[in-house]
Amino acid sequence: MHRSRFAGIVIDSQTGDLEAAAEFWSKALGMPFRWPDGTNEGGLYRELDSRSRDLHLEVQKVDHPSRVHLDIEADDIEAEVRRLEALGAKRVQLFPRWWVMEAPTGHRFCVVRVQSPEGFTRTANVWGREEG
């Protein structure tokens, strides 16, 4: 017998500026970034502080093309898209219920309507006030 669970997400970033990549994802997801505990494999990682969400998320510098897909759910899609554009993201394609966006790191991601209403109000970041 053994046990396993979803451990987290690694955002592979083909970039010469890992700090800028980590900064974008930190601000986009509302999670401060920090140096990982223990080994950092030659400075190739920045962890996003997602412990309060029982999730592990990090940005990793890689030599291959950037790849990952994640969704950001929002109760006002257009407002969230504008917020992400202010951080450097670009609109790629509009679908009937979501936007495909591209981060400054080249990653494609989606801004979608609320997928999990249970707990959304309690756990969602609140934007529109000073966003440190």
N, C-alpha and C. Protein backbone atom coordinates (compact mmCIF):
# COMPACT_ATOMS: atom_id res chain seq x y z
N MET A 1 0.85 -1.18 0.00
CA MET A 1 0.00 0.00 0.00
C MET A 1 0.89 1.24 0.00
N HIS A 2 0.46 2.21 -0.71
CA HIS A 2 1.13 3.49 -0.66
C HIS A 2 0.11 4.59 -0.86
N ARG A 3 0.51 5.81 -0.59
CA ARG A 3 -0.37 6.96 -0.75
C ARG A 3 0.32 8.01 -1.59
N SER A 4 -0.47 8.78 -2.29
CA SER A 4 0.06 9.91 -3.05
C SER A 4 -1.00 10.99 -3.14
N ARG A 5 -0.59 12.19 -3.51
CA ARG A 5 -1.54 13.27 -3.72
C ARG A 5 -0.93 14.28 -4.68
N PHE A 6 -1.73 15.12 -5.18
CA PHE A 6 -1.27 16.19 -6.04
C PHE A 6 -0.30 17.03 -5.21
N ALA A 7 0.93 17.18 -5.69
CA ALA A 7 1.96 17.88 -4.93
C ALA A 7 2.14 19.32 -5.36
N GLY A 8 1.93 19.64 -6.61
CA GLY A 8 2.10 21.02 -7.03
C GLY A 8 2.32 21.15 -8.51
N ILE A 9 2.74 22.33 -8.90
CA ILE A 9 2.93 22.67 -10.30
C ILE A 9 4.29 23.33 -10.46
N VAL A 10 5.00 22.98 -11.49
CA VAL A 10 6.25 23.65 -11.84
C VAL A 10 6.00 24.41 -13.13
N ILE A 11 6.29 25.68 -13.10
CA ILE A 11 6.11 26.52 -14.28
C ILE A 11 7.48 26.62 -14.95
N ASP A 12 7.70 25.80 -15.98
CA ASP A 12 8.96 25.81 -16.71
C ASP A 12 9.06 27.09 -17.52
N SER A 13 10.13 27.84 -17.30
CA SER A 13 10.27 29.14 -17.96
C SER A 13 11.57 29.22 -18.74
N GLN A 14 11.48 29.28 -20.04
CA GLN A 14 12.66 29.47 -20.87
C GLN A 14 12.93 30.97 -20.86
N THR A 15 13.78 31.39 -19.94
CA THR A 15 14.00 32.81 -19.71
C THR A 15 15.42 33.07 -19.24
N GLY A 16 15.91 34.23 -19.52
CA GLY A 16 17.19 34.66 -18.98
C GLY A 16 17.01 35.43 -17.68
N ASP A 17 15.76 35.69 -17.29
CA ASP A 17 15.47 36.48 -16.10
C ASP A 17 14.45 35.76 -15.23
N LEU A 18 14.96 34.83 -14.41
CA LEU A 18 14.08 34.06 -13.53
C LEU A 18 13.36 34.96 -12.53
N GLU A 19 14.03 36.02 -12.08
CA GLU A 19 13.39 36.93 -11.11
C GLU A 19 12.14 37.58 -11.72
N ALA A 20 12.23 38.02 -12.97
CA ALA A 20 11.08 38.64 -13.63
C ALA A 20 9.96 37.62 -13.84
N ALA A 21 10.32 36.39 -14.18
CA ALA A 21 9.31 35.34 -14.36
C ALA A 21 8.61 35.07 -13.04
N ALA A 22 9.38 34.91 -11.96
CA ALA A 22 8.80 34.65 -10.65
C ALA A 22 7.95 35.84 -10.19
N GLU A 23 8.40 37.05 -10.47
CA GLU A 23 7.66 38.26 -10.10
C GLU A 23 6.29 38.30 -10.79
N PHE A 24 6.25 37.98 -12.09
CA PHE A 24 4.97 37.98 -12.80
C PHE A 24 4.01 36.97 -12.16
N TRP A 25 4.45 35.73 -12.01
CA TRP A 25 3.56 34.70 -11.47
C TRP A 25 3.19 34.98 -10.02
N SER A 26 4.10 35.54 -9.25
CA SER A 26 3.80 35.93 -7.88
C SER A 26 2.65 36.93 -7.84
N LYS A 27 2.73 37.95 -8.67
CA LYS A 27 1.68 38.98 -8.69
C LYS A 27 0.40 38.48 -9.35
N ALA A 28 0.51 37.69 -10.40
CA ALA A 28 -0.67 37.17 -11.09
C ALA A 28 -1.51 36.29 -10.17
N LEU A 29 -0.83 35.48 -9.34
CA LEU A 29 -1.53 34.52 -8.49
C LEU A 29 -1.68 34.99 -7.06
N GLY A 30 -1.13 36.14 -6.71
CA GLY A 30 -1.26 36.65 -5.35
C GLY A 30 -0.51 35.83 -4.33
N MET A 31 0.69 35.33 -4.70
CA MET A 31 1.51 34.51 -3.81
C MET A 31 2.94 35.03 -3.85
N PRO A 32 3.46 35.53 -2.73
CA PRO A 32 4.85 36.02 -2.73
C PRO A 32 5.82 34.91 -3.13
N PHE A 33 6.92 35.29 -3.81
CA PHE A 33 7.91 34.26 -4.12
C PHE A 33 9.08 34.38 -3.18
N ARG A 34 9.78 33.26 -3.02
CA ARG A 34 10.92 33.19 -2.11
C ARG A 34 11.88 32.14 -2.62
N TRP A 35 13.10 32.17 -2.06
CA TRP A 35 14.05 31.11 -2.38
C TRP A 35 13.54 29.81 -1.77
N PRO A 36 13.67 28.70 -2.46
CA PRO A 36 13.22 27.43 -1.89
C PRO A 36 14.08 27.03 -0.69
N ASP A 37 13.48 26.27 0.22
CA ASP A 37 14.23 25.71 1.34
C ASP A 37 15.19 24.67 0.82
N GLY A 38 16.34 24.55 1.44
CA GLY A 38 17.30 23.53 1.04
C GLY A 38 18.00 23.88 -0.25
N THR A 39 18.28 22.88 -1.06
CA THR A 39 19.01 23.07 -2.31
C THR A 39 18.19 23.85 -3.32
N ASN A 40 18.87 24.63 -4.13
CA ASN A 40 18.19 25.42 -5.17
C ASN A 40 18.75 25.08 -6.54
N GLU A 41 19.44 23.96 -6.67
CA GLU A 41 19.91 23.50 -7.98
C GLU A 41 20.54 24.61 -8.80
N GLY A 42 21.48 25.32 -8.22
CA GLY A 42 22.17 26.36 -8.98
C GLY A 42 21.34 27.60 -9.25
N GLY A 43 20.35 27.90 -8.43
CA GLY A 43 19.54 29.10 -8.61
C GLY A 43 18.49 28.99 -9.69
N LEU A 44 18.02 27.78 -9.95
CA LEU A 44 17.05 27.57 -11.04
C LEU A 44 15.60 27.64 -10.59
N TYR A 45 15.33 27.84 -9.30
CA TYR A 45 13.96 27.80 -8.80
C TYR A 45 13.64 29.01 -7.94
N ARG A 46 12.36 29.40 -7.97
CA ARG A 46 11.79 30.33 -7.01
C ARG A 46 10.45 29.72 -6.61
N GLU A 47 10.23 29.54 -5.33
CA GLU A 47 8.96 28.98 -4.86
C GLU A 47 7.95 30.10 -4.68
N LEU A 48 6.71 29.81 -5.00
CA LEU A 48 5.62 30.72 -4.70
C LEU A 48 4.99 30.24 -3.40
N ASP A 49 4.75 31.16 -2.48
CA ASP A 49 4.25 30.78 -1.16
C ASP A 49 2.78 30.44 -1.24
N SER A 50 2.50 29.18 -1.45
CA SER A 50 1.12 28.69 -1.59
C SER A 50 0.77 27.73 -0.47
N ARG A 51 1.55 27.71 0.60
CA ARG A 51 1.33 26.76 1.69
C ARG A 51 -0.05 26.87 2.30
N SER A 52 -0.60 28.08 2.38
CA SER A 52 -1.93 28.24 2.97
C SER A 52 -3.01 27.58 2.13
N ARG A 53 -2.68 27.25 0.89
CA ARG A 53 -3.64 26.60 -0.01
C ARG A 53 -3.36 25.11 -0.15
N ASP A 54 -2.44 24.58 0.68
CA ASP A 54 -2.06 23.17 0.64
C ASP A 54 -1.64 22.77 -0.77
N LEU A 55 -0.75 23.56 -1.34
CA LEU A 55 -0.33 23.40 -2.72
C LEU A 55 1.14 23.77 -2.81
N HIS A 56 1.85 23.16 -3.69
CA HIS A 56 3.24 23.54 -3.95
C HIS A 56 3.31 24.06 -5.37
N LEU A 57 3.86 25.25 -5.51
CA LEU A 57 3.95 25.89 -6.82
C LEU A 57 5.28 26.59 -6.92
N GLU A 58 5.99 26.37 -8.01
CA GLU A 58 7.28 27.02 -8.19
C GLU A 58 7.52 27.37 -9.64
N VAL A 59 8.41 28.32 -9.84
CA VAL A 59 8.85 28.71 -11.17
C VAL A 59 10.24 28.14 -11.36
N GLN A 60 10.47 27.48 -12.48
CA GLN A 60 11.74 26.82 -12.76
C GLN A 60 12.32 27.33 -14.06
N LYS A 61 13.58 27.67 -14.05
CA LYS A 61 14.27 28.08 -15.27
C LYS A 61 14.69 26.83 -16.04
N VAL A 62 14.37 26.78 -17.33
CA VAL A 62 14.67 25.61 -18.16
C VAL A 62 15.27 26.06 -19.50
N ASP A 63 15.86 25.11 -20.22
CA ASP A 63 16.42 25.38 -21.55
C ASP A 63 15.45 25.04 -22.67
N HIS A 64 14.42 24.27 -22.37
CA HIS A 64 13.45 23.89 -23.41
C HIS A 64 12.31 24.90 -23.44
N PRO A 65 11.44 24.84 -24.46
CA PRO A 65 10.34 25.81 -24.54
C PRO A 65 9.47 25.80 -23.28
N SER A 66 9.04 26.98 -22.90
CA SER A 66 8.18 27.13 -21.72
C SER A 66 6.89 26.36 -21.92
N ARG A 67 6.42 25.74 -20.84
CA ARG A 67 5.18 24.99 -20.95
C ARG A 67 4.50 24.81 -19.60
N VAL A 68 3.25 25.07 -19.60
CA VAL A 68 2.36 24.84 -18.47
C VAL A 68 1.01 25.40 -18.88
N HIS A 69 -0.02 24.89 -18.28
CA HIS A 69 -1.33 25.50 -18.49
C HIS A 69 -2.02 25.54 -17.15
N LEU A 70 -2.53 26.69 -16.83
CA LEU A 70 -3.32 26.80 -15.62
C LEU A 70 -4.43 27.79 -15.87
N ASP A 71 -5.45 27.67 -15.05
CA ASP A 71 -6.59 28.58 -15.14
C ASP A 71 -6.60 29.49 -13.92
N ILE A 72 -6.98 30.72 -14.13
CA ILE A 72 -7.24 31.65 -13.04
C ILE A 72 -8.74 31.93 -13.10
N GLU A 73 -9.46 31.59 -12.02
CA GLU A 73 -10.89 31.83 -12.01
C GLU A 73 -11.19 33.19 -11.39
N ALA A 74 -12.22 33.85 -11.93
CA ALA A 74 -12.56 35.19 -11.46
C ALA A 74 -14.06 35.42 -11.53
N ASP A 75 -14.56 36.25 -10.62
CA ASP A 75 -15.99 36.57 -10.67
C ASP A 75 -16.27 37.74 -11.62
N ASP A 76 -15.22 38.38 -12.12
CA ASP A 76 -15.33 39.43 -13.15
C ASP A 76 -14.16 39.21 -14.11
N ILE A 77 -14.40 38.46 -15.17
CA ILE A 77 -13.33 38.06 -16.09
C ILE A 77 -12.65 39.27 -16.71
N GLU A 78 -13.41 40.21 -17.19
CA GLU A 78 -12.82 41.38 -17.86
C GLU A 78 -11.93 42.17 -16.91
N ALA A 79 -12.36 42.37 -15.67
CA ALA A 79 -11.54 43.10 -14.69
C ALA A 79 -10.24 42.35 -14.42
N GLU A 80 -10.31 41.03 -14.32
CA GLU A 80 -9.11 40.24 -14.08
C GLU A 80 -8.17 40.28 -15.28
N VAL A 81 -8.72 40.23 -16.49
CA VAL A 81 -7.89 40.31 -17.70
C VAL A 81 -7.16 41.66 -17.74
N ARG A 82 -7.85 42.73 -17.41
CA ARG A 82 -7.20 44.05 -17.38
C ARG A 82 -6.10 44.11 -16.32
N ARG A 83 -6.33 43.51 -15.17
CA ARG A 83 -5.33 43.48 -14.11
C ARG A 83 -4.08 42.74 -14.57
N LEU A 84 -4.28 41.61 -15.23
CA LEU A 84 -3.16 40.81 -15.72
C LEU A 84 -2.42 41.52 -16.86
N GLU A 85 -3.16 42.23 -17.71
CA GLU A 85 -2.51 43.03 -18.76
C GLU A 85 -1.60 44.09 -18.14
N ALA A 86 -2.03 44.68 -17.04
CA ALA A 86 -1.21 45.69 -16.37
C ALA A 86 0.09 45.08 -15.84
N LEU A 87 0.10 43.76 -15.60
CA LEU A 87 1.31 43.07 -15.16
C LEU A 87 2.17 42.61 -16.33
N GLY A 88 1.67 42.77 -17.56
CA GLY A 88 2.46 42.41 -18.74
C GLY A 88 1.89 41.28 -19.58
N ALA A 89 0.76 40.70 -19.18
CA ALA A 89 0.14 39.63 -19.97
C ALA A 89 -0.52 40.22 -21.22
N LYS A 90 -0.75 39.36 -22.22
CA LYS A 90 -1.41 39.78 -23.46
C LYS A 90 -2.63 38.90 -23.72
N ARG A 91 -3.65 39.51 -24.29
CA ARG A 91 -4.83 38.75 -24.72
C ARG A 91 -4.45 37.99 -25.99
N VAL A 92 -4.83 36.71 -26.05
CA VAL A 92 -4.53 35.89 -27.22
C VAL A 92 -5.82 35.56 -27.97
N GLN A 93 -6.81 35.01 -27.27
CA GLN A 93 -8.04 34.62 -27.94
C GLN A 93 -9.20 34.62 -26.95
N LEU A 94 -10.32 35.17 -27.40
CA LEU A 94 -11.54 35.18 -26.60
C LEU A 94 -12.42 34.00 -27.00
N PHE A 95 -12.88 33.26 -26.03
CA PHE A 95 -13.86 32.20 -26.22
C PHE A 95 -15.15 32.66 -25.56
N PRO A 96 -16.27 31.98 -25.78
CA PRO A 96 -17.53 32.45 -25.20
C PRO A 96 -17.52 32.64 -23.69
N ARG A 97 -16.72 31.85 -22.95
CA ARG A 97 -16.74 31.95 -21.49
C ARG A 97 -15.37 32.17 -20.87
N TRP A 98 -14.32 32.42 -21.65
CA TRP A 98 -13.00 32.65 -21.07
C TRP A 98 -12.07 33.33 -22.07
N TRP A 99 -10.97 33.86 -21.54
CA TRP A 99 -9.89 34.44 -22.34
C TRP A 99 -8.67 33.56 -22.25
N VAL A 100 -8.02 33.32 -23.38
CA VAL A 100 -6.68 32.73 -23.39
C VAL A 100 -5.72 33.91 -23.36
N MET A 101 -4.80 33.86 -22.42
CA MET A 101 -3.83 34.94 -22.23
C MET A 101 -2.43 34.38 -22.43
N GLU A 102 -1.48 35.29 -22.61
CA GLU A 102 -0.08 34.89 -22.66
C GLU A 102 0.70 35.75 -21.67
N ALA A 103 1.41 35.08 -20.78
CA ALA A 103 2.24 35.77 -19.78
C ALA A 103 3.49 36.32 -20.45
N PRO A 104 4.18 37.25 -19.81
CA PRO A 104 5.44 37.76 -20.36
C PRO A 104 6.48 36.64 -20.54
N THR A 105 6.31 35.53 -19.84
CA THR A 105 7.22 34.39 -19.94
C THR A 105 6.90 33.49 -21.14
N GLY A 106 5.82 33.80 -21.88
CA GLY A 106 5.43 32.99 -23.04
C GLY A 106 4.42 31.90 -22.72
N HIS A 107 4.07 31.74 -21.46
CA HIS A 107 3.09 30.72 -21.07
C HIS A 107 1.68 31.15 -21.45
N ARG A 108 0.93 30.20 -21.93
CA ARG A 108 -0.49 30.44 -22.18
C ARG A 108 -1.26 30.00 -20.95
N PHE A 109 -2.27 30.76 -20.59
CA PHE A 109 -3.14 30.41 -19.47
C PHE A 109 -4.51 31.00 -19.75
N CYS A 110 -5.50 30.58 -18.99
CA CYS A 110 -6.87 31.04 -19.21
C CYS A 110 -7.40 31.78 -18.00
N VAL A 111 -8.21 32.79 -18.27
CA VAL A 111 -8.99 33.45 -17.23
C VAL A 111 -10.42 32.99 -17.45
N VAL A 112 -10.96 32.28 -16.47
CA VAL A 112 -12.26 31.63 -16.60
C VAL A 112 -13.21 32.10 -15.50
N ARG A 113 -14.50 31.82 -15.70
CA ARG A 113 -15.46 32.15 -14.65
C ARG A 113 -15.23 31.23 -13.45
N VAL A 114 -15.81 31.56 -12.33
CA VAL A 114 -15.63 30.78 -11.11
C VAL A 114 -16.03 29.33 -11.37
N GLN A 115 -15.10 28.43 -11.10
CA GLN A 115 -15.32 27.00 -11.33
C GLN A 115 -15.76 26.27 -10.06
N SER A 116 -15.33 26.75 -8.93
CA SER A 116 -15.62 26.10 -7.64
C SER A 116 -16.21 27.14 -6.68
N PRO A 117 -17.53 27.37 -6.76
CA PRO A 117 -18.12 28.41 -5.92
C PRO A 117 -17.95 28.17 -4.42
N GLU A 118 -17.90 26.89 -3.99
CA GLU A 118 -17.71 26.61 -2.57
C GLU A 118 -16.34 27.13 -2.15
N GLY A 119 -16.31 28.04 -1.25
CA GLY A 119 -15.06 28.55 -0.73
C GLY A 119 -14.43 29.67 -1.54
N PHE A 120 -14.96 29.99 -2.72
CA PHE A 120 -14.34 31.01 -3.57
C PHE A 120 -14.24 32.35 -2.84
N THR A 121 -15.33 32.79 -2.26
CA THR A 121 -15.33 34.08 -1.56
C THR A 121 -14.34 34.07 -0.41
N ARG A 122 -14.22 32.97 0.29
CA ARG A 122 -13.34 32.86 1.45
C ARG A 122 -11.87 32.81 1.05
N THR A 123 -11.55 32.17 -0.08
CA THR A 123 -10.14 31.92 -0.42
C THR A 123 -9.60 32.78 -1.56
N ALA A 124 -10.46 33.46 -2.29
CA ALA A 124 -9.99 34.25 -3.43
C ALA A 124 -9.25 35.50 -2.97
N ASN A 125 -8.23 35.89 -3.73
CA ASN A 125 -7.58 37.18 -3.50
C ASN A 125 -8.57 38.27 -3.83
N VAL A 126 -8.54 39.35 -3.09
CA VAL A 126 -9.39 40.49 -3.36
C VAL A 126 -8.53 41.57 -4.00
N TRP A 127 -8.86 41.95 -5.25
CA TRP A 127 -8.10 42.94 -6.00
C TRP A 127 -8.88 44.23 -6.08
N GLY A 128 -8.21 45.28 -6.43
CA GLY A 128 -8.88 46.56 -6.56
C GLY A 128 -8.52 47.50 -5.42
N ARG A 129 -7.76 47.03 -4.47
CA ARG A 129 -7.17 47.88 -3.44
C ARG A 129 -5.68 47.86 -3.70
N GLU A 130 -4.89 48.46 -2.88
CA GLU A 130 -3.45 48.47 -3.11
C GLU A 130 -2.94 47.04 -3.18
N GLU A 131 -2.29 46.70 -4.30
CA GLU A 131 -1.87 45.32 -4.57
C GLU A 131 -0.36 45.17 -4.42
N GLY A 132 0.20 45.24 -3.19
CA GLY A 132 1.62 45.10 -2.92
C GLY A 132 2.28 44.23 -3.82
